[in-house]
Each structure stands twice: as C-alpha cells, then as structure tokens.
PDB file of N, CA and C in Angstrom:
ATOM      1  N   UNK A   1     -20.881  34.182  31.315  1.00  0.00           N
ATOM      2  CA  UNK A   1     -21.687  33.679  30.090  1.00  0.00           C
ATOM      3  C   UNK A   1     -22.184  32.199  30.445  1.00  0.00           C
ATOM      4  N   UNK A   2     -22.946  32.372  29.913  1.00  0.00           N
ATOM      5  CA  UNK A   2     -23.354  30.413  29.702  1.00  0.00           C
ATOM      6  C   UNK A   2     -22.958  29.592  28.529  1.00  0.00           C
ATOM      7  N   UNK A   3     -22.583  28.151  29.317  1.00  0.00           N
ATOM      8  CA  UNK A   3     -21.962  27.295  28.372  1.00  0.00           C
ATOM      9  C   UNK A   3     -23.074  26.699  26.816  1.00  0.00           C
ATOM     10  N   UNK A   4     -22.573  26.468  26.161  1.00  0.00           N
ATOM     11  CA  UNK A   4     -23.205  25.995  25.149  1.00  0.00           C
ATOM     12  C   UNK A   4     -24.251  24.628  25.564  1.00  0.00           C
ATOM     13  N   UNK A   5     -25.220  24.204  25.099  1.00  0.00           N
ATOM     14  CA  UNK A   5     -25.430  22.972  25.522  1.00  0.00           C
ATOM     15  C   UNK A   5     -26.053  22.470  24.510  1.00  0.00           C
ATOM     16  N   UNK A   6     -26.156  20.695  23.828  1.00  0.00           N
ATOM     17  CA  UNK A   6     -27.127  20.426  23.054  1.00  0.00           C
ATOM     18  C   UNK A   6     -28.183  19.615  23.469  1.00  0.00           C
ATOM     19  N   UNK A   7     -29.495  20.717  23.098  1.00  0.00           N
ATOM     20  CA  UNK A   7     -30.962  20.950  23.850  1.00  0.00           C
ATOM     21  C   UNK A   7     -31.249  19.116  24.076  1.00  0.00           C
ATOM     22  N   UNK A   8     -30.469  18.294  23.342  1.00  0.00           N
ATOM     23  CA  UNK A   8     -31.413  17.060  23.113  1.00  0.00           C
ATOM     24  C   UNK A   8     -31.221  16.448  23.933  1.00  0.00           C
ATOM     25  N   UNK A   9     -30.133  16.503  25.333  1.00  0.00           N
ATOM     26  CA  UNK A   9     -29.316  16.139  26.197  1.00  0.00           C
ATOM     27  C   UNK A   9     -30.435  16.590  27.855  1.00  0.00           C
ATOM     28  N   UNK A  10     -30.838  17.161  27.971  1.00  0.00           N
ATOM     29  CA  UNK A  10     -31.458  17.652  28.596  1.00  0.00           C
ATOM     30  C   UNK A  10     -32.541  16.498  29.114  1.00  0.00           C
ATOM     31  N   UNK A  11     -33.646  15.938  28.316  1.00  0.00           N
ATOM     32  CA  UNK A  11     -34.238  14.912  28.912  1.00  0.00           C
ATOM     33  C   UNK A  11     -33.280  13.615  29.698  1.00  0.00           C
ATOM     34  N   UNK A  12     -32.521  13.373  28.831  1.00  0.00           N
ATOM     35  CA  UNK A  12     -31.647  12.710  29.708  1.00  0.00           C
ATOM     36  C   UNK A  12     -30.824  13.146  31.173  1.00  0.00           C
ATOM     37  N   UNK A  13     -30.660  14.164  31.069  1.00  0.00           N
ATOM     38  CA  UNK A  13     -29.667  15.301  32.067  1.00  0.00           C
ATOM     39  C   UNK A  13     -31.008  14.389  33.217  1.00  0.00           C
ATOM     40  N   UNK A  14     -32.032  14.927  32.606  1.00  0.00           N
ATOM     41  CA  UNK A  14     -33.217  14.897  33.857  1.00  0.00           C
ATOM     42  C   UNK A  14     -33.387  13.399  33.882  1.00  0.00           C
ATOM     43  N   UNK A  15     -33.419  12.194  33.294  1.00  0.00           N
ATOM     44  CA  UNK A  15     -33.265  11.723  33.837  1.00  0.00           C
ATOM     45  C   UNK A  15     -32.487  10.563  34.817  1.00  0.00           C
ATOM     46  N   UNK A  16     -31.253  10.908  34.227  1.00  0.00           N
ATOM     47  CA  UNK A  16     -29.851  11.041  35.614  1.00  0.00           C
ATOM     48  C   UNK A  16     -30.387  11.839  36.665  1.00  0.00           C
ATOM     49  N   UNK A  17     -30.094  12.675  36.194  1.00  0.00           N
ATOM     50  CA  UNK A  17     -30.729  13.101  37.745  1.00  0.00           C
ATOM     51  C   UNK A  17     -31.552  12.779  38.939  1.00  0.00           C
ATOM     52  N   UNK A  18     -33.010  12.016  38.265  1.00  0.00           N
ATOM     53  CA  UNK A  18     -33.842  11.234  39.267  1.00  0.00           C
ATOM     54  C   UNK A  18     -33.730   9.863  39.179  1.00  0.00           C
ATOM     55  N   UNK A  19     -32.981   9.323  38.456  1.00  0.00           N
ATOM     56  CA  UNK A  19     -31.833   7.573  38.840  1.00  0.00           C
ATOM     57  C   UNK A  19     -30.581   7.562  39.202  1.00  0.00           C
ATOM     58  N   UNK A  20     -30.074   9.277  40.261  1.00  0.00           N
ATOM     59  CA  UNK A  20     -28.789   9.627  40.311  1.00  0.00           C
ATOM     60  C   UNK A  20     -27.672   7.664  41.098  1.00  0.00           C
ATOM     61  N   UNK A  21     -27.111   7.532  41.041  1.00  0.00           N
ATOM     62  CA  UNK A  21     -26.077   6.633  41.803  1.00  0.00           C
ATOM     63  C   UNK A  21     -26.399   7.100  43.191  1.00  0.00           C
ATOM     64  N   UNK A  22     -26.064   5.458  43.724  1.00  0.00           N
ATOM     65  CA  UNK A  22     -25.590   6.371  45.794  1.00  0.00           C
ATOM     66  C   UNK A  22     -25.074   6.934  45.590  1.00  0.00           C
ATOM     67  N   UNK A  23     -23.328   7.091  45.320  1.00  0.00           N
ATOM     68  CA  UNK A  23     -22.437   7.997  45.321  1.00  0.00           C
ATOM     69  C   UNK A  23     -22.696   9.382  45.323  1.00  0.00           C
ATOM     70  N   UNK A  24     -23.422   9.051  43.965  1.00  0.00           N
ATOM     71  CA  UNK A  24     -23.587  10.827  43.383  1.00  0.00           C
ATOM     72  C   UNK A  24     -24.684  11.594  44.069  1.00  0.00           C
ATOM     73  N   UNK A  25     -26.032  10.366  44.850  1.00  0.00           N
ATOM     74  CA  UNK A  25     -26.743  11.073  45.921  1.00  0.00           C
ATOM     75  C   UNK A  25     -26.112  11.584  47.229  1.00  0.00           C
ATOM     76  N   UNK A  26     -25.221  10.674  48.141  1.00  0.00           N
ATOM     77  CA  UNK A  26     -24.638  10.496  48.679  1.00  0.00           C
ATOM     78  C   UNK A  26     -23.438  11.965  48.709  1.00  0.00           C
ATOM     79  N   UNK A  27     -22.876  12.183  48.034  1.00  0.00           N
ATOM     80  CA  UNK A  27     -22.021  13.882  47.718  1.00  0.00           C
ATOM     81  C   UNK A  27     -22.933  15.055  47.334  1.00  0.00           C
ATOM     82  N   UNK A  28     -24.244  14.913  46.684  1.00  0.00           N
ATOM     83  CA  UNK A  28     -25.303  16.020  46.970  1.00  0.00           C
ATOM     84  C   UNK A  28     -25.898  16.328  47.459  1.00  0.00           C
ATOM     85  N   UNK A  29     -26.641  15.310  48.242  1.00  0.00           N
ATOM     86  CA  UNK A  29     -26.995  15.707  50.220  1.00  0.00           C
ATOM     87  C   UNK A  29     -26.834  15.783  50.959  1.00  0.00           C
ATOM     88  N   UNK A  30     -25.061  15.098  51.183  1.00  0.00           N
ATOM     89  CA  UNK A  30     -24.705  16.000  52.142  1.00  0.00           C
ATOM     90  C   UNK A  30     -23.739  16.503  52.440  1.00  0.00           C
ATOM     91  N   UNK A  31     -23.441  16.845  50.740  1.00  0.00           N
ATOM     92  CA  UNK A  31     -22.347  17.984  50.830  1.00  0.00           C
ATOM     93  C   UNK A  31     -22.185  19.292  49.554  1.00  0.00           C
ATOM     94  N   UNK A  32     -22.767  18.951  48.459  1.00  0.00           N
ATOM     95  CA  UNK A  32     -22.954  19.962  47.088  1.00  0.00           C
ATOM     96  C   UNK A  32     -24.356  20.937  47.678  1.00  0.00           C
ATOM     97  N   UNK A  33     -25.449  20.048  47.770  1.00  0.00           N
ATOM     98  CA  UNK A  33     -25.752  21.105  47.628  1.00  0.00           C
ATOM     99  C   UNK A  33     -26.714  22.419  48.853  1.00  0.00           C
ATOM    100  N   UNK A  34     -25.343  21.738  49.727  1.00  0.00           N
ATOM    101  CA  UNK A  34     -25.531  23.080  50.914  1.00  0.00           C
ATOM    102  C   UNK A  34     -24.427  23.610  51.114  1.00  0.00           C
ATOM    103  N   UNK A  35     -23.182  23.097  49.958  1.00  0.00           N
ATOM    104  CA  UNK A  35     -22.679  24.023  49.767  1.00  0.00           C
ATOM    105  C   UNK A  35     -22.348  26.112  49.678  1.00  0.00           C
ATOM    106  N   UNK A  36     -21.792  26.537  50.278  1.00  0.00           N
ATOM    107  CA  UNK A  36     -21.855  27.732  49.831  1.00  0.00           C
ATOM    108  C   UNK A  36     -21.414  28.453  48.642  1.00  0.00           C
ATOM    109  N   UNK A  37     -20.585  27.664  47.814  1.00  0.00           N
ATOM    110  CA  UNK A  37     -21.511  28.279  46.229  1.00  0.00           C
ATOM    111  C   UNK A  37     -21.737  26.753  45.308  1.00  0.00           C
ATOM    112  N   UNK A  38     -22.326  27.678  45.051  1.00  0.00           N
ATOM    113  CA  UNK A  38     -24.287  26.901  43.809  1.00  0.00           C
ATOM    114  C   UNK A  38     -23.124  25.907  42.995  1.00  0.00           C
ATOM    115  N   UNK A  39     -23.980  24.605  43.042  1.00  0.00           N
ATOM    116  CA  UNK A  39     -23.387  23.315  42.261  1.00  0.00           C
ATOM    117  C   UNK A  39     -24.796  22.922  41.543  1.00  0.00           C
ATOM    118  N   UNK A  40     -24.841  22.570  40.176  1.00  0.00           N
ATOM    119  CA  UNK A  40     -25.987  21.564  39.576  1.00  0.00           C
ATOM    120  C   UNK A  40     -25.488  20.293  39.940  1.00  0.00           C
ATOM    121  N   UNK A  41     -26.484  20.079  39.438  1.00  0.00           N
ATOM    122  CA  UNK A  41     -26.543  18.077  39.261  1.00  0.00           C
ATOM    123  C   UNK A  41     -26.971  18.232  37.797  1.00  0.00           C
ATOM    124  N   UNK A  42     -26.016  16.831  37.277  1.00  0.00           N
ATOM    125  CA  UNK A  42     -26.381  16.748  35.977  1.00  0.00           C
ATOM    126  C   UNK A  42     -27.055  17.570  34.741  1.00  0.00           C
ATOM    127  N   UNK A  43     -25.477  18.669  34.528  1.00  0.00           N
ATOM    128  CA  UNK A  43     -25.458  19.823  33.824  1.00  0.00           C
ATOM    129  C   UNK A  43     -25.145  19.395  32.540  1.00  0.00           C
ATOM    130  N   UNK A  44     -26.121  20.118  31.621  1.00  0.00           N
ATOM    131  CA  UNK A  44     -26.066  19.412  29.735  1.00  0.00           C
ATOM    132  C   UNK A  44     -24.784  21.414  29.635  1.00  0.00           C
ATOM    133  N   UNK A  45     -23.684  20.540  28.690  1.00  0.00           N
ATOM    134  CA  UNK A  45     -22.573  21.117  28.786  1.00  0.00           C
ATOM    135  C   UNK A  45     -21.734  20.837  27.406  1.00  0.00           C
ATOM    136  N   UNK A  46     -21.969  21.792  26.550  1.00  0.00           N
ATOM    137  CA  UNK A  46     -21.674  21.195  25.078  1.00  0.00           C
ATOM    138  C   UNK A  46     -22.209  19.684  24.413  1.00  0.00           C
ATOM    139  N   UNK A  47     -21.473  18.953  24.375  1.00  0.00           N
ATOM    140  CA  UNK A  47     -22.109  17.411  23.747  1.00  0.00           C
ATOM    141  C   UNK A  47     -22.487  16.506  25.349  1.00  0.00           C
ATOM    142  N   UNK A  48     -22.202  16.663  26.126  1.00  0.00           N
ATOM    143  CA  UNK A  48     -21.569  16.089  27.301  1.00  0.00           C
ATOM    144  C   UNK A  48     -22.779  16.257  28.340  1.00  0.00           C
ATOM    145  N   UNK A  49     -22.398  15.727  29.383  1.00  0.00           N
ATOM    146  CA  UNK A  49     -24.205  15.779  30.516  1.00  0.00           C
ATOM    147  C   UNK A  49     -22.850  15.621  32.066  1.00  0.00           C
ATOM    148  N   UNK A  50     -22.631  16.763  32.589  1.00  0.00           N
ATOM    149  CA  UNK A  50     -20.978  16.612  34.222  1.00  0.00           C
ATOM    150  C   UNK A  50     -21.937  16.360  35.058  1.00  0.00           C
ATOM    151  N   UNK A  51     -21.613  15.777  35.798  1.00  0.00           N
ATOM    152  CA  UNK A  51     -21.949  15.041  36.899  1.00  0.00           C
ATOM    153  C   UNK A  51     -22.555  16.073  38.336  1.00  0.00           C
ATOM    154  N   UNK A  52     -21.920  16.905  38.478  1.00  0.00           N
ATOM    155  CA  UNK A  52     -21.593  18.217  39.297  1.00  0.00           C
ATOM    156  C   UNK A  52     -21.101  19.649  38.370  1.00  0.00           C
ATOM    157  N   UNK A  53     -21.359  20.621  38.539  1.00  0.00           N
ATOM    158  CA  UNK A  53     -21.186  21.637  37.555  1.00  0.00           C
ATOM    159  C   UNK A  53     -21.389  22.796  38.708  1.00  0.00           C
ATOM    160  N   UNK A  54     -20.286  24.162  38.875  1.00  0.00           N
ATOM    161  CA  UNK A  54     -20.584  25.260  39.585  1.00  0.00           C
ATOM    162  C   UNK A  54     -19.599  26.101  38.735  1.00  0.00           C
ATOM    163  N   UNK A  55     -20.800  27.036  38.092  1.00  0.00           N
ATOM    164  CA  UNK A  55     -20.249  27.981  36.818  1.00  0.00           C
ATOM    165  C   UNK A  55     -19.721  28.520  37.884  1.00  0.00           C
ATOM    166  N   UNK A  56     -19.107  29.807  39.123  1.00  0.00           N
ATOM    167  CA  UNK A  56     -19.036  30.484  39.312  1.00  0.00           C
ATOM    168  C   UNK A  56     -17.635  29.911  39.737  1.00  0.00           C
ATOM    169  N   UNK A  57     -16.992  28.717  39.953  1.00  0.00           N
ATOM    170  CA  UNK A  57     -15.848  28.174  39.964  1.00  0.00           C
ATOM    171  C   UNK A  57     -15.658  28.104  38.569  1.00  0.00           C
ATOM    172  N   UNK A  58     -15.896  27.367  37.722  1.00  0.00           N
ATOM    173  CA  UNK A  58     -15.812  27.357  36.263  1.00  0.00           C
ATOM    174  C   UNK A  58     -15.736  26.145  36.509  1.00  0.00           C
ATOM    175  N   UNK A  59     -15.920  24.718  37.686  1.00  0.00           N
ATOM    176  CA  UNK A  59     -15.626  24.146  38.167  1.00  0.00           C
ATOM    177  C   UNK A  59     -16.340  22.733  37.896  1.00  0.00           C
ATOM    178  N   UNK A  60     -16.244  21.093  37.241  1.00  0.00           N
ATOM    179  CA  UNK A  60     -17.297  19.896  37.110  1.00  0.00           C
ATOM    180  C   UNK A  60     -16.190  18.889  37.552  1.00  0.00           C
ATOM    181  N   UNK A  61     -17.520  18.054  38.602  1.00  0.00           N
ATOM    182  CA  UNK A  61     -17.335  17.175  39.277  1.00  0.00           C
ATOM    183  C   UNK A  61     -17.542  16.160  38.458  1.00  0.00           C
ATOM    184  N   UNK A  62     -16.579  15.031  37.995  1.00  0.00           N
ATOM    185  CA  UNK A  62     -17.419  13.911  37.851  1.00  0.00           C
ATOM    186  C   UNK A  62     -16.740  12.395  38.845  1.00  0.00           C
ATOM    187  N   UNK A  63     -17.503  11.328  38.751  1.00  0.00           N
ATOM    188  CA  UNK A  63     -17.901  10.558  39.838  1.00  0.00           C
ATOM    189  C   UNK A  63     -18.062   9.539  39.289  1.00  0.00           C
ATOM    190  N   UNK A  64     -17.251   8.407  39.136  1.00  0.00           N
ATOM    191  CA  UNK A  64     -17.006   7.136  38.279  1.00  0.00           C
ATOM    192  C   UNK A  64     -16.972   6.280  38.944  1.00  0.00           C
ATOM    193  N   UNK A  65     -17.607   5.246  38.139  1.00  0.00           N
ATOM    194  CA  UNK A  65     -17.874   4.114  38.862  1.00  0.00           C
ATOM    195  C   UNK A  65     -17.185   3.270  37.806  1.00  0.00           C
ATOM    196  N   UNK A  66     -17.349   1.624  38.317  1.00  0.00           N
ATOM    197  CA  UNK A  66     -16.317   0.829  37.380  1.00  0.00           C
ATOM    198  C   UNK A  66     -16.203   0.461  35.487  1.00  0.00           C
ATOM    199  N   UNK A  67     -17.726   1.280  34.793  1.00  0.00           N
ATOM    200  CA  UNK A  67     -17.520   1.422  34.036  1.00  0.00           C
ATOM    201  C   UNK A  67     -16.379   1.905  33.388  1.00  0.00           C
ATOM    202  N   UNK A  68     -16.578   3.351  33.980  1.00  0.00           N
ATOM    203  CA  UNK A  68     -14.700   3.861  33.326  1.00  0.00           C
ATOM    204  C   UNK A  68     -13.957   3.209  33.361  1.00  0.00           C
ATOM    205  N   UNK A  69     -13.959   2.292  33.877  1.00  0.00           N
ATOM    206  CA  UNK A  69     -12.087   1.830  33.855  1.00  0.00           C
ATOM    207  C   UNK A  69     -11.919   0.583  32.762  1.00  0.00           C
ATOM    208  N   UNK A  70     -12.258   0.549  31.769  1.00  0.00           N
ATOM    209  CA  UNK A  70     -12.283  -0.202  30.135  1.00  0.00           C
ATOM    210  C   UNK A  70     -11.351   0.816  29.230  1.00  0.00           C
ATOM    211  N   UNK A  71     -10.551   0.365  28.622  1.00  0.00           N
ATOM    212  CA  UNK A  71      -9.820   0.776  27.861  1.00  0.00           C
ATOM    213  C   UNK A  71     -10.605   1.991  27.124  1.00  0.00           C
ATOM    214  N   UNK A  72     -11.608   1.282  26.209  1.00  0.00           N
ATOM    215  CA  UNK A  72     -12.594   2.505  25.668  1.00  0.00           C
ATOM    216  C   UNK A  72     -12.627   3.316  25.980  1.00  0.00           C
ATOM    217  N   UNK A  73     -13.357   3.065  27.511  1.00  0.00           N
ATOM    218  CA  UNK A  73     -14.295   4.207  28.175  1.00  0.00           C
ATOM    219  C   UNK A  73     -13.208   4.764  28.486  1.00  0.00           C
ATOM    220  N   UNK A  74     -11.868   4.713  29.267  1.00  0.00           N
ATOM    221  CA  UNK A  74     -10.618   5.701  29.886  1.00  0.00           C
ATOM    222  C   UNK A  74     -10.255   6.509  28.320  1.00  0.00           C
ATOM    223  N   UNK A  75     -10.603   6.038  26.974  1.00  0.00           N
ATOM    224  CA  UNK A  75     -10.328   7.257  25.462  1.00  0.00           C
ATOM    225  C   UNK A  75     -11.581   8.451  26.515  1.00  0.00           C
ATOM    226  N   UNK A  76     -12.377   7.803  26.379  1.00  0.00           N
ATOM    227  CA  UNK A  76     -13.720   8.503  26.289  1.00  0.00           C
ATOM    228  C   UNK A  76     -13.640   9.638  27.134  1.00  0.00           C
ATOM    229  N   UNK A  77     -13.278   8.993  28.278  1.00  0.00           N
ATOM    230  CA  UNK A  77     -13.071   9.803  29.483  1.00  0.00           C
ATOM    231  C   UNK A  77     -12.171  11.168  28.864  1.00  0.00           C
ATOM    232  N   UNK A  78     -10.886  10.605  28.651  1.00  0.00           N
ATOM    233  CA  UNK A  78     -10.209  12.072  28.331  1.00  0.00           C
ATOM    234  C   UNK A  78     -10.152  12.677  27.546  1.00  0.00           C
ATOM    235  N   UNK A  79     -10.834  12.266  26.459  1.00  0.00           N
ATOM    236  CA  UNK A  79     -11.596  12.958  25.290  1.00  0.00           C
ATOM    237  C   UNK A  79     -12.392  14.032  25.842  1.00  0.00           C
ATOM    238  N   UNK A  80     -13.360  13.449  26.369  1.00  0.00           N
ATOM    239  CA  UNK A  80     -14.233  14.036  27.067  1.00  0.00           C
ATOM    240  C   UNK A  80     -13.755  15.520  28.076  1.00  0.00           C
ATOM    241  N   UNK A  81     -13.160  14.995  28.393  1.00  0.00           N
ATOM    242  CA  UNK A  81     -11.829  15.611  29.689  1.00  0.00           C
ATOM    243  C   UNK A  81     -11.639  17.164  29.085  1.00  0.00           C
ATOM    244  N   UNK A  82     -11.039  16.432  28.105  1.00  0.00           N
ATOM    245  CA  UNK A  82     -10.012  17.825  26.879  1.00  0.00           C
ATOM    246  C   UNK A  82     -11.090  18.896  26.751  1.00  0.00           C
ATOM    247  N   UNK A  83     -12.545  18.175  26.015  1.00  0.00           N
ATOM    248  CA  UNK A  83     -13.279  19.042  25.587  1.00  0.00           C
ATOM    249  C   UNK A  83     -13.548  20.014  26.508  1.00  0.00           C
ATOM    250  N   UNK A  84     -14.314  19.568  27.323  1.00  0.00           N
ATOM    251  CA  UNK A  84     -14.436  20.459  28.570  1.00  0.00           C
ATOM    252  C   UNK A  84     -13.616  21.698  29.650  1.00  0.00           C
ATOM    253  N   UNK A  85     -12.031  20.631  29.152  1.00  0.00           N
ATOM    254  CA  UNK A  85     -11.662  22.432  29.747  1.00  0.00           C
ATOM    255  C   UNK A  85     -11.117  23.227  28.771  1.00  0.00           C
ATOM    256  N   UNK A  86     -11.772  22.601  27.422  1.00  0.00           N
ATOM    257  CA  UNK A  86     -10.900  23.572  26.316  1.00  0.00           C
ATOM    258  C   UNK A  86     -12.493  24.716  26.522  1.00  0.00           C
ATOM    259  N   UNK A  87     -13.391  24.901  27.152  1.00  0.00           N
ATOM    260  CA  UNK A  87     -14.225  25.650  27.189  1.00  0.00           C
ATOM    261  C   UNK A  87     -13.401  26.509  28.943  1.00  0.00           C
ATOM    262  N   UNK A  88     -12.756  26.289  29.341  1.00  0.00           N
ATOM    263  CA  UNK A  88     -11.946  27.224  29.744  1.00  0.00           C
ATOM    264  C   UNK A  88     -12.327  26.340  31.670  1.00  0.00           C
ATOM    265  N   UNK A  89     -12.461  25.067  31.481  1.00  0.00           N
ATOM    266  CA  UNK A  89     -13.413  24.728  33.158  1.00  0.00           C
ATOM    267  C   UNK A  89     -12.354  23.519  33.031  1.00  0.00           C
ATOM    268  N   UNK A  90     -11.935  23.050  34.437  1.00  0.00           N
ATOM    269  CA  UNK A  90     -11.032  22.442  35.609  1.00  0.00           C
ATOM    270  C   UNK A  90     -11.947  21.177  35.313  1.00  0.00           C
ATOM    271  N   UNK A  91     -11.755  20.085  35.419  1.00  0.00           N
ATOM    272  CA  UNK A  91     -12.215  18.671  35.529  1.00  0.00           C
ATOM    273  C   UNK A  91     -12.217  18.147  36.880  1.00  0.00           C
ATOM    274  N   UNK A  92     -12.892  17.709  37.974  1.00  0.00           N
ATOM    275  CA  UNK A  92     -11.826  16.700  39.074  1.00  0.00           C
ATOM    276  C   UNK A  92     -12.699  15.291  38.612  1.00  0.00           C
ATOM    277  N   UNK A  93     -12.440  14.485  38.967  1.00  0.00           N
ATOM    278  CA  UNK A  93     -12.477  12.673  38.886  1.00  0.00           C
ATOM    279  C   UNK A  93     -12.124  12.422  40.097  1.00  0.00           C
ATOM    280  N   UNK A  94     -13.376  11.936  40.849  1.00  0.00           N
ATOM    281  CA  UNK A  94     -13.515  11.074  41.825  1.00  0.00           C
ATOM    282  C   UNK A  94     -14.042   8.915  41.865  1.00  0.00           C
ATOM    283  N   UNK A  95     -13.424   8.355  42.458  1.00  0.00           N
ATOM    284  CA  UNK A  95     -14.312   7.070  41.860  1.00  0.00           C
ATOM    285  C   UNK A  95     -15.122   6.888  42.990  1.00  0.00           C
ATOM    286  N   UNK A  96     -16.463   6.028  42.908  1.00  0.00           N
ATOM    287  CA  UNK A  96     -17.190   5.561  43.504  1.00  0.00           C
ATOM    288  C   UNK A  96     -16.598   5.314  45.010  1.00  0.00           C
ATOM    289  N   UNK A  97     -15.841   4.634  44.937  1.00  0.00           N
ATOM    290  CA  UNK A  97     -14.583   3.848  46.046  1.00  0.00           C
ATOM    291  C   UNK A  97     -14.018   5.232  47.091  1.00  0.00           C
ATOM    292  N   UNK A  98     -13.865   6.449  46.671  1.00  0.00           N
ATOM    293  CA  UNK A  98     -12.944   7.769  47.298  1.00  0.00           C
ATOM    294  C   UNK A  98     -14.842   8.043  48.284  1.00  0.00           C
ATOM    295  N   UNK A  99     -15.453   7.820  47.763  1.00  0.00           N
ATOM    296  CA  UNK A  99     -17.113   8.484  47.577  1.00  0.00           C
ATOM    297  C   UNK A  99     -17.099   7.659  48.720  1.00  0.00           C
ATOM    298  N   UNK A 100     -17.451   6.122  48.789  1.00  0.00           N
ATOM    299  CA  UNK A 100     -17.816   5.098  49.808  1.00  0.00           C
ATOM    300  C   UNK A 100     -16.372   5.446  50.807  1.00  0.00           C
ATOM    301  N   UNK A 101     -15.660   5.464  50.998  1.00  0.00           N
ATOM    302  CA  UNK A 101     -14.592   4.875  51.278  1.00  0.00           C
ATOM    303  C   UNK A 101     -13.831   6.368  52.138  1.00  0.00           C
ATOM    304  N   UNK A 102     -13.510   7.565  51.710  1.00  0.00           N
ATOM    305  CA  UNK A 102     -13.213   9.042  52.306  1.00  0.00           C
ATOM    306  C   UNK A 102     -13.664  10.134  51.909  1.00  0.00           C
ATOM    307  N   UNK A 103     -15.300   9.989  52.309  1.00  0.00           N
ATOM    308  CA  UNK A 103     -15.789  11.128  52.092  1.00  0.00           C
ATOM    309  C   UNK A 103     -15.369  11.904  52.042  1.00  0.00           C
ATOM    310  N   UNK A 104     -14.937  12.072  53.448  1.00  0.00           N
ATOM    311  CA  UNK A 104     -14.733  13.936  54.007  1.00  0.00           C
ATOM    312  C   UNK A 104     -13.265  13.948  53.551  1.00  0.00           C
ATOM    313  N   UNK A 105     -12.375  13.284  52.824  1.00  0.00           N
ATOM    314  CA  UNK A 105     -11.559  13.321  52.142  1.00  0.00           C
ATOM    315  C   UNK A 105     -12.094  14.090  50.722  1.00  0.00           C
ATOM    316  N   UNK A 106     -12.628  13.701  50.004  1.00  0.00           N
ATOM    317  CA  UNK A 106     -13.349  13.792  49.067  1.00  0.00           C
ATOM    318  C   UNK A 106     -13.994  15.462  48.968  1.00  0.00           C
ATOM    319  N   UNK A 107     -15.144  15.434  50.275  1.00  0.00           N
ATOM    320  CA  UNK A 107     -15.703  17.325  50.059  1.00  0.00           C
ATOM    321  C   UNK A 107     -14.349  18.294  50.523  1.00  0.00           C
ATOM    322  N   UNK A 108     -13.495  17.981  50.917  1.00  0.00           N
ATOM    323  CA  UNK A 108     -11.938  18.549  51.569  1.00  0.00           C
ATOM    324  C   UNK A 108     -11.298  19.128  49.945  1.00  0.00           C
ATOM    325  N   UNK A 109     -11.204  17.702  49.898  1.00  0.00           N
ATOM    326  CA  UNK A 109     -10.484  18.219  47.861  1.00  0.00           C
ATOM    327  C   UNK A 109     -11.347  19.059  47.583  1.00  0.00           C
ATOM    328  N   UNK A 110     -12.410  19.065  47.472  1.00  0.00           N
ATOM    329  CA  UNK A 110     -14.051  19.860  46.273  1.00  0.00           C
ATOM    330  C   UNK A 110     -13.628  21.305  46.729  1.00  0.00           C
ATOM    331  N   UNK A 111     -12.934  21.128  48.253  1.00  0.00           N
ATOM    332  CA  UNK A 111     -13.462  23.023  48.958  1.00  0.00           C
ATOM    333  C   UNK A 111     -12.323  23.260  48.277  1.00  0.00           C
ATOM    334  N   UNK A 112     -11.199  22.966  48.562  1.00  0.00           N
ATOM    335  CA  UNK A 112     -10.190  23.337  48.300  1.00  0.00           C
ATOM    336  C   UNK A 112     -10.303  23.053  46.673  1.00  0.00           C
ATOM    337  N   UNK A 113     -10.616  22.816  46.250  1.00  0.00           N
ATOM    338  CA  UNK A 113     -10.247  23.158  44.793  1.00  0.00           C
ATOM    339  C   UNK A 113     -11.100  24.111  44.279  1.00  0.00           C
ATOM    340  N   UNK A 114     -12.619  24.165  44.968  1.00  0.00           N
ATOM    341  CA  UNK A 114     -13.289  25.477  44.387  1.00  0.00           C
ATOM    342  C   UNK A 114     -12.881  26.546  44.761  1.00  0.00           C
ATOM    343  N   UNK A 115     -12.149  27.235  46.533  1.00  0.00           N
ATOM    344  CA  UNK A 115     -11.746  27.995  46.853  1.00  0.00           C
ATOM    345  C   UNK A 115     -10.350  28.419  45.967  1.00  0.00           C
ATOM    346  N   UNK A 116      -9.875  27.406  45.072  1.00  0.00           N
ATOM    347  CA  UNK A 116      -7.963  27.895  44.757  1.00  0.00           C
ATOM    348  C   UNK A 116      -8.538  28.885  43.133  1.00  0.00           C
ATOM    349  N   UNK A 117      -9.933  27.814  42.406  1.00  0.00           N
ATOM    350  CA  UNK A 117     -10.062  27.954  41.567  1.00  0.00           C
ATOM    351  C   UNK A 117     -11.103  29.715  41.594  1.00  0.00           C
ATOM    352  N   UNK A 118     -12.180  30.359  42.749  1.00  0.00           N
ATOM    353  CA  UNK A 118     -12.166  31.358  42.794  1.00  0.00           C
ATOM    354  C   UNK A 118     -10.888  32.147  42.950  1.00  0.00           C
ATOM    355  N   UNK A 119     -10.069  32.234  43.470  1.00  0.00           N
ATOM    356  CA  UNK A 119      -9.515  32.780  43.810  1.00  0.00           C
ATOM    357  C   UNK A 119      -8.294  33.278  42.313  1.00  0.00           C
ATOM    358  N   UNK A 120      -7.972  31.902  41.595  1.00  0.00           N
ATOM    359  CA  UNK A 120      -7.742  32.784  40.667  1.00  0.00           C
ATOM    360  C   UNK A 120      -8.464  33.465  39.662  1.00  0.00           C
ATOM    361  N   UNK A 121      -9.770  33.564  39.617  1.00  0.00           N
ATOM    362  CA  UNK A 121     -10.917  34.418  38.919  1.00  0.00           C
ATOM    363  C   UNK A 121     -10.897  35.501  39.317  1.00  0.00           C
ATOM    364  N   UNK A 122     -10.460  35.963  40.827  1.00  0.00           N
ATOM    365  CA  UNK A 122     -10.106  37.286  40.687  1.00  0.00           C
ATOM    366  C   UNK A 122      -9.549  37.913  40.117  1.00  0.00           C
TER     367      UNK A 122
END
C-alpha cells in the first residue's frame, strides 16, 4: 500500500535532496544508500517530507539540526511525529551531533530498528 502525499511537496523534496545537510549526506552515502533494505531520501508523506523512509520496515528517520530545539519547533516535531505514527509508521530521530560524533552507533541503532520492525511485520 502506498502512502498518500501532497503533490505540492514533490518539488521541495527534490530541492531538499539536492541541498542535503552534511549529516544527511553522511548518513545516506555512507550507510543508507547501500543498506540491505531500501530507503528513500526526502520522501513526501502526507503533508510532510521525511528525511529518510523505508517502506518495507515502515520506518522514518529524521535528522534534527539546532532549529528543531526552539519551543515552537519542538511542538511542530511532536505534532509531525504523531501524524506520521497515525499512518502506522515508526519515527526515530537523531541529532546532527549524534551523526557527527557517534555515526557507528547511529547506524547500529537504525539496523536494529529495521530488523525489529521487519520481525514484527511478519
């Protein structure tokens, strides 16, 4: 089953792929691009654009920069996560700092989350 999305977000998703943050590029090119289960970058889902999405595992990965830690944006992220989870998706978040300082741990966490999700979906 494919997810609904706002077609108006497609040009923005393409632009975000072209202008990814260093942390997004690091996670994509050094792990997710060749991961055994397919991920997509900047995937339009509902009215949002997820940083990374794995359809098979029903998993979204978000990479949060400092702008996500303002009072206003914390509330927006909570709302966004609740909406995405209402589509029966799991959302995991990492900070830019975690990508930079503990890349191996982030990758191990993602691998475990994917495997746990796939085992529950069977």
